[in-house]
């Protein structure tokens, strides 16, 4: 459950402190990473959760070691849990964008991507793509993550490629094309969904 999120509080900005020593920098990142993950797992305040996610977004841009630590501490599953508890309000949308950017940073590393990908993660991302198809950045980020996760595991894409899922993804794609205009993020998301449908159709054909 994510009663964790309170849309009233305002987001806070985080800046990684500069370090002269790479060793000191690594230790600083690790400290911030562990505090941020612990905050996600325990805090009930929106402002604290948002600040923790912003920390992780910055850190995951710089340190693969800390990307691993986040996954080892089960931080990725907590972030998916928080997403599932969010609504369409502006503060929640901002939080989801930030979480998706963290997950995108984590997914840049193949060894980590394989640990992020799960049936529950795929279902969460599919729901996001569906529910936020009118929010270009969330739509693009979630579609891209969905495609990357599906491509990371034949077993997952095989389980995902059901007639019901294909019908749903195809329906989302058609609705998105009607509203896409020329927004780059929307076009990116649509391309990801088209790729996903191709992968699903190919997988289904191989099963026959």
N, C-alpha and C. Protein backbone atom coordinates (compact mmCIF):
# COMPACT_ATOMS: atom_id res chain seq x y z
N UNK A 1 0.85 -1.18 0.00
CA UNK A 1 0.00 0.00 0.00
C UNK A 1 0.88 1.23 0.00
N UNK A 2 0.43 2.30 -0.67
CA UNK A 2 1.25 3.50 -0.68
C UNK A 2 0.47 4.71 -0.24
N UNK A 3 -0.04 4.67 0.96
CA UNK A 3 -0.60 5.83 1.59
C UNK A 3 0.54 6.80 1.82
N UNK A 4 1.74 6.32 1.48
CA UNK A 4 2.98 7.05 1.53
C UNK A 4 2.88 8.43 0.90
N UNK A 5 2.03 8.59 -0.12
CA UNK A 5 2.08 9.81 -0.92
C UNK A 5 1.05 10.81 -0.45
N UNK A 6 1.53 12.00 -0.14
CA UNK A 6 0.66 13.10 0.27
C UNK A 6 0.86 14.24 -0.70
N UNK A 7 -0.07 14.45 -1.63
CA UNK A 7 0.14 15.42 -2.70
C UNK A 7 0.26 16.86 -2.24
N UNK A 8 -0.01 17.13 -0.98
CA UNK A 8 0.01 18.52 -0.52
C UNK A 8 1.43 19.06 -0.43
N UNK A 9 2.38 18.20 -0.02
CA UNK A 9 3.74 18.67 0.19
C UNK A 9 4.40 19.00 -1.15
N UNK A 10 5.32 19.94 -1.12
CA UNK A 10 5.98 20.39 -2.35
C UNK A 10 7.25 19.58 -2.59
N UNK A 11 7.59 19.31 -3.88
CA UNK A 11 8.83 18.61 -4.20
C UNK A 11 10.04 19.42 -3.76
N UNK A 12 11.16 18.72 -3.50
CA UNK A 12 12.39 19.39 -3.11
C UNK A 12 13.49 19.00 -4.08
N UNK A 13 14.43 19.89 -4.28
CA UNK A 13 15.52 19.66 -5.23
C UNK A 13 16.73 19.10 -4.50
N UNK A 14 17.43 18.18 -5.17
CA UNK A 14 18.62 17.58 -4.59
C UNK A 14 19.79 17.79 -5.52
N UNK A 15 20.94 18.16 -4.97
CA UNK A 15 22.16 18.30 -5.74
C UNK A 15 23.24 17.44 -5.12
N UNK A 16 23.89 16.62 -5.94
CA UNK A 16 24.96 15.77 -5.43
C UNK A 16 26.16 16.64 -5.05
N UNK A 17 26.66 16.51 -3.82
CA UNK A 17 27.81 17.30 -3.42
C UNK A 17 29.05 16.92 -4.22
N UNK A 18 29.82 17.92 -4.65
CA UNK A 18 31.03 17.62 -5.41
C UNK A 18 32.10 17.11 -4.46
N UNK A 19 32.91 16.18 -4.97
CA UNK A 19 33.97 15.59 -4.16
C UNK A 19 35.29 15.66 -4.95
N UNK A 20 36.38 15.89 -4.25
CA UNK A 20 37.67 15.94 -4.91
C UNK A 20 38.25 14.56 -5.10
N UNK A 21 37.90 13.65 -4.23
CA UNK A 21 38.43 12.29 -4.29
C UNK A 21 37.36 11.34 -4.81
N UNK A 22 37.74 10.48 -5.78
CA UNK A 22 36.77 9.52 -6.30
C UNK A 22 36.35 8.53 -5.22
N UNK A 23 37.25 8.20 -4.31
CA UNK A 23 36.91 7.30 -3.21
C UNK A 23 35.89 7.94 -2.31
N UNK A 24 36.10 9.22 -1.98
CA UNK A 24 35.15 9.94 -1.14
C UNK A 24 33.80 10.05 -1.84
N UNK A 25 33.86 10.29 -3.16
CA UNK A 25 32.62 10.42 -3.92
C UNK A 25 31.81 9.13 -3.87
N UNK A 26 32.50 8.00 -4.03
CA UNK A 26 31.81 6.72 -3.99
C UNK A 26 31.14 6.51 -2.64
N UNK A 27 31.86 6.83 -1.57
CA UNK A 27 31.29 6.64 -0.23
C UNK A 27 30.12 7.59 -0.01
N UNK A 28 30.22 8.80 -0.54
CA UNK A 28 29.12 9.76 -0.41
C UNK A 28 27.89 9.26 -1.15
N UNK A 29 28.10 8.77 -2.37
CA UNK A 29 26.98 8.22 -3.13
C UNK A 29 26.33 7.08 -2.37
N UNK A 30 27.15 6.19 -1.82
CA UNK A 30 26.60 5.02 -1.13
C UNK A 30 25.76 5.44 0.06
N UNK A 31 26.24 6.41 0.80
CA UNK A 31 25.49 6.90 1.97
C UNK A 31 24.15 7.47 1.53
N UNK A 32 24.17 8.34 0.52
CA UNK A 32 22.94 8.94 0.02
C UNK A 32 21.99 7.89 -0.54
N UNK A 33 22.56 6.89 -1.22
CA UNK A 33 21.74 5.84 -1.81
C UNK A 33 21.00 5.06 -0.74
N UNK A 34 21.72 4.65 0.28
CA UNK A 34 21.10 3.83 1.33
C UNK A 34 20.05 4.62 2.12
N UNK A 35 20.33 5.89 2.36
CA UNK A 35 19.36 6.73 3.07
C UNK A 35 18.11 6.91 2.22
N UNK A 36 18.31 7.14 0.92
CA UNK A 36 17.17 7.35 0.03
C UNK A 36 16.30 6.10 -0.07
N UNK A 37 16.92 4.94 -0.22
CA UNK A 37 16.15 3.69 -0.31
C UNK A 37 15.40 3.44 1.00
N UNK A 38 16.06 3.69 2.12
CA UNK A 38 15.39 3.51 3.41
C UNK A 38 14.19 4.45 3.54
N UNK A 39 14.35 5.67 3.04
CA UNK A 39 13.24 6.63 3.07
C UNK A 39 12.06 6.11 2.26
N UNK A 40 12.33 5.57 1.08
CA UNK A 40 11.25 5.02 0.25
C UNK A 40 10.51 3.91 0.99
N UNK A 41 11.25 3.13 1.74
CA UNK A 41 10.67 1.96 2.39
C UNK A 41 9.92 2.28 3.68
N UNK A 42 10.20 3.45 4.26
CA UNK A 42 9.63 3.74 5.59
C UNK A 42 8.81 5.02 5.67
N UNK A 43 9.08 6.00 4.82
CA UNK A 43 8.44 7.31 4.99
C UNK A 43 6.99 7.31 4.51
N UNK A 44 6.16 8.07 5.20
CA UNK A 44 4.76 8.26 4.81
C UNK A 44 4.52 9.66 4.24
N UNK A 45 5.59 10.46 4.11
CA UNK A 45 5.46 11.85 3.68
C UNK A 45 5.86 12.00 2.21
N UNK A 46 4.99 12.64 1.46
CA UNK A 46 5.25 12.82 0.03
C UNK A 46 6.56 13.56 -0.20
N UNK A 47 6.80 14.63 0.54
CA UNK A 47 8.00 15.45 0.31
C UNK A 47 9.27 14.65 0.52
N UNK A 48 9.28 13.78 1.54
CA UNK A 48 10.45 12.95 1.80
C UNK A 48 10.65 11.90 0.72
N UNK A 49 9.55 11.29 0.29
CA UNK A 49 9.63 10.28 -0.77
C UNK A 49 10.11 10.92 -2.08
N UNK A 50 9.56 12.08 -2.41
CA UNK A 50 9.94 12.76 -3.64
C UNK A 50 11.42 13.13 -3.61
N UNK A 51 11.87 13.67 -2.50
CA UNK A 51 13.28 14.06 -2.38
C UNK A 51 14.19 12.84 -2.51
N UNK A 52 13.78 11.71 -1.92
CA UNK A 52 14.58 10.49 -2.00
C UNK A 52 14.67 10.00 -3.45
N UNK A 53 13.56 10.07 -4.18
CA UNK A 53 13.56 9.64 -5.58
C UNK A 53 14.46 10.55 -6.41
N UNK A 54 14.42 11.86 -6.14
CA UNK A 54 15.27 12.79 -6.87
C UNK A 54 16.75 12.52 -6.60
N UNK A 55 17.08 12.15 -5.39
CA UNK A 55 18.46 11.76 -5.07
C UNK A 55 18.86 10.56 -5.91
N UNK A 56 17.99 9.56 -5.95
CA UNK A 56 18.30 8.34 -6.68
C UNK A 56 18.41 8.60 -8.18
N UNK A 57 17.60 9.53 -8.68
CA UNK A 57 17.70 9.86 -10.10
C UNK A 57 19.08 10.42 -10.44
N UNK A 58 19.58 11.33 -9.60
CA UNK A 58 20.90 11.92 -9.83
C UNK A 58 22.00 10.87 -9.69
N UNK A 59 21.91 10.07 -8.64
CA UNK A 59 22.96 9.09 -8.36
C UNK A 59 23.03 8.02 -9.44
N UNK A 60 21.87 7.55 -9.90
CA UNK A 60 21.87 6.48 -10.90
C UNK A 60 22.38 6.94 -12.26
N UNK A 61 22.50 8.25 -12.44
CA UNK A 61 23.11 8.76 -13.67
C UNK A 61 24.63 8.63 -13.63
N UNK A 62 25.19 8.46 -12.42
CA UNK A 62 26.64 8.52 -12.26
C UNK A 62 27.29 7.23 -11.78
N UNK A 63 26.56 6.38 -11.09
CA UNK A 63 27.20 5.27 -10.41
C UNK A 63 26.48 3.94 -10.63
N UNK A 64 27.12 3.04 -11.41
CA UNK A 64 26.54 1.71 -11.61
C UNK A 64 26.58 0.93 -10.30
N UNK A 65 27.62 1.15 -9.50
CA UNK A 65 27.73 0.46 -8.22
C UNK A 65 26.50 0.73 -7.36
N UNK A 66 26.06 1.98 -7.35
CA UNK A 66 24.90 2.32 -6.54
C UNK A 66 23.60 1.85 -7.19
N UNK A 67 23.60 1.72 -8.51
CA UNK A 67 22.44 1.09 -9.17
C UNK A 67 22.26 -0.33 -8.65
N UNK A 68 23.37 -1.04 -8.53
CA UNK A 68 23.32 -2.39 -7.98
C UNK A 68 22.83 -2.40 -6.55
N UNK A 69 23.29 -1.43 -5.77
CA UNK A 69 22.89 -1.38 -4.35
C UNK A 69 21.39 -1.14 -4.21
N UNK A 70 20.83 -0.32 -5.08
CA UNK A 70 19.39 -0.06 -5.05
C UNK A 70 18.61 -1.35 -5.26
N UNK A 71 19.04 -2.13 -6.25
CA UNK A 71 18.35 -3.38 -6.57
C UNK A 71 18.56 -4.40 -5.44
N UNK A 72 19.78 -4.46 -4.92
CA UNK A 72 20.05 -5.39 -3.82
C UNK A 72 19.20 -5.08 -2.60
N UNK A 73 18.89 -3.80 -2.40
CA UNK A 73 18.07 -3.39 -1.26
C UNK A 73 16.57 -3.44 -1.58
N UNK A 74 16.23 -3.95 -2.76
CA UNK A 74 14.84 -4.09 -3.20
C UNK A 74 14.17 -2.74 -3.45
N UNK A 75 15.00 -1.72 -3.71
CA UNK A 75 14.45 -0.39 -3.95
C UNK A 75 13.60 -0.31 -5.20
N UNK A 76 13.92 -1.11 -6.22
CA UNK A 76 13.15 -1.07 -7.47
C UNK A 76 11.73 -1.56 -7.25
N UNK A 77 11.57 -2.61 -6.46
CA UNK A 77 10.22 -3.11 -6.19
C UNK A 77 9.41 -2.12 -5.36
N UNK A 78 10.08 -1.42 -4.46
CA UNK A 78 9.37 -0.40 -3.68
C UNK A 78 8.91 0.74 -4.59
N UNK A 79 9.73 1.09 -5.56
CA UNK A 79 9.34 2.16 -6.49
C UNK A 79 8.14 1.74 -7.34
N UNK A 80 8.13 0.49 -7.78
CA UNK A 80 6.96 0.01 -8.51
C UNK A 80 5.72 0.02 -7.61
N UNK A 81 5.90 -0.32 -6.34
CA UNK A 81 4.80 -0.30 -5.39
C UNK A 81 4.24 1.11 -5.22
N UNK A 82 5.14 2.09 -5.13
CA UNK A 82 4.72 3.48 -5.00
C UNK A 82 3.93 3.92 -6.25
N UNK A 83 4.43 3.54 -7.42
CA UNK A 83 3.72 3.87 -8.66
C UNK A 83 2.29 3.33 -8.62
N UNK A 84 2.15 2.09 -8.15
CA UNK A 84 0.82 1.48 -8.13
C UNK A 84 -0.13 2.20 -7.17
N UNK A 85 0.41 2.95 -6.22
CA UNK A 85 -0.43 3.69 -5.28
C UNK A 85 -0.70 5.13 -5.68
N UNK A 86 -0.15 5.55 -6.83
CA UNK A 86 -0.32 6.94 -7.26
C UNK A 86 -1.62 7.13 -8.05
N UNK A 87 -2.06 8.39 -8.10
CA UNK A 87 -3.22 8.74 -8.91
C UNK A 87 -2.80 9.73 -10.00
N UNK A 88 -3.76 10.36 -10.65
CA UNK A 88 -3.45 11.23 -11.78
C UNK A 88 -3.22 12.70 -11.40
N UNK A 89 -3.16 13.00 -10.11
CA UNK A 89 -2.91 14.37 -9.69
C UNK A 89 -1.51 14.82 -10.14
N UNK A 90 -1.32 16.13 -10.26
CA UNK A 90 -0.04 16.66 -10.74
C UNK A 90 1.14 16.25 -9.86
N UNK A 91 1.03 16.34 -8.52
CA UNK A 91 2.17 15.91 -7.69
C UNK A 91 2.51 14.43 -7.89
N UNK A 92 1.49 13.60 -7.98
CA UNK A 92 1.73 12.18 -8.19
C UNK A 92 2.34 11.93 -9.57
N UNK A 93 1.89 12.67 -10.57
CA UNK A 93 2.46 12.52 -11.91
C UNK A 93 3.93 12.88 -11.92
N UNK A 94 4.29 13.94 -11.20
CA UNK A 94 5.71 14.33 -11.11
C UNK A 94 6.52 13.25 -10.42
N UNK A 95 5.96 12.67 -9.37
CA UNK A 95 6.65 11.59 -8.65
C UNK A 95 6.85 10.39 -9.57
N UNK A 96 5.81 10.03 -10.31
CA UNK A 96 5.93 8.88 -11.22
C UNK A 96 6.97 9.13 -12.30
N UNK A 97 7.01 10.35 -12.85
CA UNK A 97 8.03 10.66 -13.85
C UNK A 97 9.43 10.46 -13.28
N UNK A 98 9.63 10.95 -12.06
CA UNK A 98 10.94 10.83 -11.43
C UNK A 98 11.30 9.37 -11.19
N UNK A 99 10.34 8.58 -10.71
CA UNK A 99 10.59 7.15 -10.48
C UNK A 99 10.91 6.45 -11.79
N UNK A 100 10.17 6.75 -12.84
CA UNK A 100 10.42 6.13 -14.14
C UNK A 100 11.80 6.50 -14.67
N UNK A 101 12.25 7.71 -14.39
CA UNK A 101 13.60 8.10 -14.82
C UNK A 101 14.66 7.30 -14.05
N UNK A 102 14.42 7.06 -12.76
CA UNK A 102 15.35 6.22 -11.98
C UNK A 102 15.38 4.81 -12.57
N UNK A 103 14.21 4.25 -12.82
CA UNK A 103 14.13 2.90 -13.38
C UNK A 103 14.78 2.84 -14.77
N UNK A 104 14.62 3.90 -15.55
CA UNK A 104 15.26 3.96 -16.87
C UNK A 104 16.78 3.98 -16.72
N UNK A 105 17.28 4.73 -15.74
CA UNK A 105 18.73 4.75 -15.49
C UNK A 105 19.22 3.37 -15.08
N UNK A 106 18.47 2.70 -14.22
CA UNK A 106 18.85 1.36 -13.79
C UNK A 106 18.87 0.39 -14.98
N UNK A 107 17.90 0.54 -15.87
CA UNK A 107 17.74 -0.40 -16.98
C UNK A 107 18.82 -0.25 -18.05
N UNK A 108 19.63 0.81 -17.97
CA UNK A 108 20.72 0.98 -18.94
C UNK A 108 21.78 -0.10 -18.79
N UNK A 109 21.81 -0.77 -17.64
CA UNK A 109 22.81 -1.81 -17.36
C UNK A 109 22.15 -3.18 -17.54
N UNK A 110 22.55 -3.96 -18.54
CA UNK A 110 21.89 -5.24 -18.82
C UNK A 110 21.78 -6.17 -17.62
N UNK A 111 22.82 -6.23 -16.81
CA UNK A 111 22.79 -7.13 -15.66
C UNK A 111 21.74 -6.70 -14.64
N UNK A 112 21.46 -5.40 -14.59
CA UNK A 112 20.44 -4.89 -13.67
C UNK A 112 19.06 -5.00 -14.30
N UNK A 113 18.96 -4.75 -15.61
CA UNK A 113 17.68 -4.83 -16.30
C UNK A 113 17.03 -6.20 -16.10
N UNK A 114 17.83 -7.25 -16.17
CA UNK A 114 17.29 -8.60 -16.02
C UNK A 114 16.71 -8.82 -14.62
N UNK A 115 17.19 -8.05 -13.64
CA UNK A 115 16.67 -8.18 -12.28
C UNK A 115 15.46 -7.28 -12.05
N UNK A 116 15.33 -6.25 -12.86
CA UNK A 116 14.15 -5.38 -12.76
C UNK A 116 12.92 -6.04 -13.36
N UNK A 117 13.15 -6.80 -14.42
CA UNK A 117 12.04 -7.35 -15.20
C UNK A 117 11.33 -8.47 -14.46
N UNK A 118 10.03 -8.34 -14.33
CA UNK A 118 9.20 -9.37 -13.70
C UNK A 118 7.78 -9.23 -14.25
N UNK A 119 6.98 -10.24 -14.04
CA UNK A 119 5.58 -10.19 -14.50
C UNK A 119 4.86 -9.00 -13.86
N UNK A 120 5.10 -8.79 -12.57
CA UNK A 120 4.42 -7.70 -11.87
C UNK A 120 4.87 -6.34 -12.40
N UNK A 121 6.17 -6.21 -12.70
CA UNK A 121 6.68 -4.96 -13.26
C UNK A 121 6.06 -4.70 -14.63
N UNK A 122 5.95 -5.74 -15.45
CA UNK A 122 5.34 -5.59 -16.78
C UNK A 122 3.88 -5.18 -16.67
N UNK A 123 3.16 -5.77 -15.73
CA UNK A 123 1.75 -5.42 -15.54
C UNK A 123 1.61 -3.97 -15.08
N UNK A 124 2.50 -3.54 -14.18
CA UNK A 124 2.47 -2.16 -13.69
C UNK A 124 2.72 -1.18 -14.83
N UNK A 125 3.71 -1.47 -15.66
CA UNK A 125 4.04 -0.58 -16.78
C UNK A 125 2.93 -0.57 -17.83
N UNK A 126 2.31 -1.71 -18.06
CA UNK A 126 1.19 -1.76 -19.01
C UNK A 126 0.04 -0.89 -18.52
N UNK A 127 -0.24 -0.97 -17.22
CA UNK A 127 -1.29 -0.12 -16.64
C UNK A 127 -0.95 1.36 -16.81
N UNK A 128 0.33 1.71 -16.59
CA UNK A 128 0.76 3.10 -16.73
C UNK A 128 0.58 3.58 -18.17
N UNK A 129 1.02 2.77 -19.11
CA UNK A 129 0.89 3.13 -20.53
C UNK A 129 -0.58 3.37 -20.87
N UNK A 130 -1.44 2.55 -20.33
CA UNK A 130 -2.87 2.66 -20.60
C UNK A 130 -3.48 3.90 -19.94
N UNK A 131 -3.21 4.06 -18.64
CA UNK A 131 -3.86 5.12 -17.87
C UNK A 131 -3.29 6.51 -18.14
N UNK A 132 -2.03 6.55 -18.62
CA UNK A 132 -1.39 7.85 -18.83
C UNK A 132 -1.00 8.05 -20.30
N UNK A 133 -1.81 7.50 -21.19
CA UNK A 133 -1.52 7.65 -22.62
C UNK A 133 -1.70 9.09 -23.08
N UNK A 134 -2.33 9.94 -22.22
CA UNK A 134 -2.48 11.36 -22.56
C UNK A 134 -1.41 12.22 -21.91
N UNK A 135 -0.51 11.60 -21.14
CA UNK A 135 0.60 12.30 -20.49
C UNK A 135 1.88 11.89 -21.19
N UNK A 136 2.35 12.73 -22.11
CA UNK A 136 3.39 12.32 -23.06
C UNK A 136 4.64 11.73 -22.40
N UNK A 137 5.17 12.39 -21.39
CA UNK A 137 6.43 11.94 -20.82
C UNK A 137 6.27 10.62 -20.08
N UNK A 138 5.20 10.46 -19.31
CA UNK A 138 4.95 9.20 -18.60
C UNK A 138 4.70 8.09 -19.60
N UNK A 139 3.93 8.40 -20.64
CA UNK A 139 3.63 7.43 -21.69
C UNK A 139 4.91 6.93 -22.35
N UNK A 140 5.81 7.87 -22.69
CA UNK A 140 7.05 7.49 -23.38
C UNK A 140 7.98 6.70 -22.46
N UNK A 141 8.14 7.16 -21.23
CA UNK A 141 9.04 6.47 -20.29
C UNK A 141 8.57 5.06 -19.98
N UNK A 142 7.27 4.92 -19.73
CA UNK A 142 6.74 3.60 -19.37
C UNK A 142 6.73 2.66 -20.57
N UNK A 143 6.44 3.18 -21.75
CA UNK A 143 6.47 2.35 -22.97
C UNK A 143 7.88 1.86 -23.26
N UNK A 144 8.85 2.75 -23.12
CA UNK A 144 10.24 2.38 -23.37
C UNK A 144 10.72 1.32 -22.37
N UNK A 145 10.40 1.51 -21.10
CA UNK A 145 10.77 0.53 -20.08
C UNK A 145 10.11 -0.82 -20.34
N UNK A 146 8.84 -0.77 -20.73
CA UNK A 146 8.12 -2.00 -21.03
C UNK A 146 8.80 -2.76 -22.17
N UNK A 147 9.16 -2.04 -23.22
CA UNK A 147 9.84 -2.69 -24.35
C UNK A 147 11.18 -3.28 -23.92
N UNK A 148 11.97 -2.50 -23.17
CA UNK A 148 13.28 -2.98 -22.75
C UNK A 148 13.18 -4.22 -21.87
N UNK A 149 12.22 -4.22 -20.96
CA UNK A 149 12.06 -5.37 -20.07
C UNK A 149 11.62 -6.61 -20.84
N UNK A 150 10.71 -6.43 -21.78
CA UNK A 150 10.26 -7.56 -22.58
C UNK A 150 11.41 -8.14 -23.42
N UNK A 151 12.24 -7.27 -23.94
CA UNK A 151 13.36 -7.73 -24.76
C UNK A 151 14.46 -8.40 -23.94
N UNK A 152 14.42 -8.23 -22.63
CA UNK A 152 15.48 -8.78 -21.78
C UNK A 152 15.28 -10.26 -21.45
N UNK A 153 14.09 -10.79 -21.72
CA UNK A 153 13.81 -12.17 -21.31
C UNK A 153 12.80 -12.82 -22.25
N UNK A 154 13.23 -13.90 -22.90
CA UNK A 154 12.30 -14.62 -23.77
C UNK A 154 11.15 -15.22 -22.96
N UNK A 155 11.46 -15.68 -21.75
CA UNK A 155 10.42 -16.26 -20.90
C UNK A 155 9.33 -15.24 -20.59
N UNK A 156 9.75 -14.02 -20.26
CA UNK A 156 8.78 -12.97 -19.94
C UNK A 156 7.93 -12.61 -21.16
N UNK A 157 8.58 -12.41 -22.30
CA UNK A 157 7.81 -12.03 -23.49
C UNK A 157 6.88 -13.17 -23.88
N UNK A 158 7.30 -14.41 -23.65
CA UNK A 158 6.46 -15.56 -23.96
C UNK A 158 5.21 -15.57 -23.06
N UNK A 159 5.40 -15.27 -21.78
CA UNK A 159 4.28 -15.23 -20.84
C UNK A 159 3.38 -14.02 -21.11
N UNK A 160 3.98 -12.94 -21.56
CA UNK A 160 3.25 -11.69 -21.80
C UNK A 160 2.41 -11.75 -23.07
N UNK A 161 2.83 -12.56 -24.03
CA UNK A 161 2.21 -12.54 -25.36
C UNK A 161 0.92 -13.37 -25.42
N UNK A 162 -0.03 -12.98 -24.62
CA UNK A 162 -1.34 -13.64 -24.64
C UNK A 162 -2.27 -12.86 -25.57
N UNK A 163 -3.32 -13.50 -26.08
CA UNK A 163 -4.28 -12.78 -26.93
C UNK A 163 -4.88 -11.56 -26.22
N UNK A 164 -5.12 -11.68 -24.92
CA UNK A 164 -5.71 -10.56 -24.16
C UNK A 164 -4.74 -9.38 -24.09
N UNK A 165 -3.47 -9.68 -23.82
CA UNK A 165 -2.47 -8.61 -23.74
C UNK A 165 -2.27 -7.95 -25.10
N UNK A 166 -2.23 -8.76 -26.15
CA UNK A 166 -2.05 -8.19 -27.49
C UNK A 166 -3.22 -7.27 -27.85
N UNK A 167 -4.41 -7.70 -27.50
CA UNK A 167 -5.59 -6.88 -27.77
C UNK A 167 -5.52 -5.57 -27.00
N UNK A 168 -5.06 -5.65 -25.76
CA UNK A 168 -4.95 -4.44 -24.93
C UNK A 168 -3.90 -3.48 -25.48
N UNK A 169 -2.72 -3.99 -25.78
CA UNK A 169 -1.65 -3.14 -26.31
C UNK A 169 -2.07 -2.52 -27.64
N UNK A 170 -2.72 -3.31 -28.48
CA UNK A 170 -3.18 -2.79 -29.77
C UNK A 170 -4.21 -1.68 -29.57
N UNK A 171 -5.10 -1.86 -28.60
CA UNK A 171 -6.10 -0.83 -28.30
C UNK A 171 -5.46 0.45 -27.80
N UNK A 172 -4.46 0.32 -26.92
CA UNK A 172 -3.74 1.50 -26.41
C UNK A 172 -3.05 2.21 -27.56
N UNK A 173 -2.45 1.43 -28.45
CA UNK A 173 -1.74 2.01 -29.59
C UNK A 173 -2.69 2.81 -30.48
N UNK A 174 -3.85 2.26 -30.76
CA UNK A 174 -4.82 2.97 -31.61
C UNK A 174 -5.28 4.26 -30.95
N UNK A 175 -5.59 4.20 -29.64
CA UNK A 175 -6.03 5.41 -28.92
C UNK A 175 -4.92 6.46 -28.88
N UNK A 176 -3.70 6.01 -28.72
CA UNK A 176 -2.57 6.95 -28.63
C UNK A 176 -2.33 7.64 -29.96
N UNK A 177 -2.48 6.91 -31.05
CA UNK A 177 -2.27 7.50 -32.37
C UNK A 177 -3.28 8.60 -32.66
N UNK A 178 -4.48 8.45 -32.13
CA UNK A 178 -5.52 9.46 -32.36
C UNK A 178 -5.18 10.78 -31.67
N UNK A 179 -4.42 10.70 -30.55
CA UNK A 179 -4.14 11.89 -29.76
C UNK A 179 -2.68 12.33 -29.85
N UNK A 180 -1.92 11.68 -30.70
CA UNK A 180 -0.47 11.86 -30.64
C UNK A 180 0.01 13.22 -31.13
N UNK A 181 -0.70 13.82 -32.09
CA UNK A 181 -0.25 15.07 -32.72
C UNK A 181 1.21 14.87 -33.16
N UNK A 182 2.06 15.86 -32.90
CA UNK A 182 3.47 15.74 -33.29
C UNK A 182 4.38 15.84 -32.07
N UNK A 183 3.87 15.44 -30.92
CA UNK A 183 4.68 15.50 -29.70
C UNK A 183 5.72 14.39 -29.73
N UNK A 184 6.99 14.74 -29.56
CA UNK A 184 8.07 13.77 -29.69
C UNK A 184 7.92 12.60 -28.73
N UNK A 185 7.59 12.90 -27.47
CA UNK A 185 7.45 11.84 -26.46
C UNK A 185 6.33 10.86 -26.85
N UNK A 186 5.24 11.40 -27.37
CA UNK A 186 4.14 10.53 -27.79
C UNK A 186 4.58 9.64 -28.95
N UNK A 187 5.29 10.22 -29.89
CA UNK A 187 5.77 9.44 -31.03
C UNK A 187 6.74 8.35 -30.58
N UNK A 188 7.57 8.68 -29.60
CA UNK A 188 8.51 7.69 -29.07
C UNK A 188 7.75 6.54 -28.41
N UNK A 189 6.73 6.88 -27.61
CA UNK A 189 5.93 5.85 -26.95
C UNK A 189 5.20 4.98 -27.95
N UNK A 190 4.64 5.61 -28.98
CA UNK A 190 3.94 4.85 -30.02
C UNK A 190 4.88 3.88 -30.73
N UNK A 191 6.10 4.35 -31.03
CA UNK A 191 7.08 3.46 -31.67
C UNK A 191 7.41 2.27 -30.78
N UNK A 192 7.53 2.51 -29.47
CA UNK A 192 7.80 1.42 -28.53
C UNK A 192 6.66 0.40 -28.53
N UNK A 193 5.42 0.89 -28.54
CA UNK A 193 4.27 -0.02 -28.55
C UNK A 193 4.21 -0.82 -29.86
N UNK A 194 4.54 -0.18 -30.97
CA UNK A 194 4.57 -0.90 -32.24
C UNK A 194 5.64 -1.99 -32.22
N UNK A 195 6.78 -1.68 -31.61
CA UNK A 195 7.84 -2.68 -31.48
C UNK A 195 7.38 -3.84 -30.60
N UNK A 196 6.69 -3.50 -29.50
CA UNK A 196 6.20 -4.52 -28.58
C UNK A 196 5.23 -5.46 -29.29
N UNK A 197 4.32 -4.89 -30.07
CA UNK A 197 3.35 -5.72 -30.81
C UNK A 197 4.06 -6.65 -31.80
N UNK A 198 5.10 -6.14 -32.45
CA UNK A 198 5.86 -6.98 -33.39
C UNK A 198 6.52 -8.14 -32.65
N UNK A 199 7.10 -7.84 -31.49
CA UNK A 199 7.75 -8.88 -30.68
C UNK A 199 6.72 -9.91 -30.23
N UNK A 200 5.55 -9.43 -29.79
CA UNK A 200 4.50 -10.34 -29.32
C UNK A 200 4.00 -11.23 -30.46
N UNK A 201 3.80 -10.64 -31.63
CA UNK A 201 3.32 -11.42 -32.78
C UNK A 201 4.35 -12.46 -33.21
N UNK A 202 5.62 -12.06 -33.18
CA UNK A 202 6.68 -12.98 -33.54
C UNK A 202 6.77 -14.14 -32.55
N UNK A 203 6.64 -13.82 -31.26
CA UNK A 203 6.70 -14.85 -30.22
C UNK A 203 5.53 -15.81 -30.34
N UNK A 204 4.34 -15.26 -30.61
CA UNK A 204 3.15 -16.12 -30.77
C UNK A 204 3.30 -17.05 -31.97
N UNK A 205 3.90 -16.53 -33.06
CA UNK A 205 4.08 -17.35 -34.26
C UNK A 205 5.05 -18.50 -33.99
N UNK A 206 6.08 -18.22 -33.17
CA UNK A 206 7.06 -19.26 -32.86
C UNK A 206 6.46 -20.37 -32.00
N UNK A 207 5.42 -20.05 -31.23
CA UNK A 207 4.79 -21.05 -30.36
C UNK A 207 3.98 -22.07 -31.17
N UNK A 208 3.52 -21.63 -32.36
CA UNK A 208 2.62 -22.47 -33.15
C UNK A 208 3.40 -23.60 -33.85
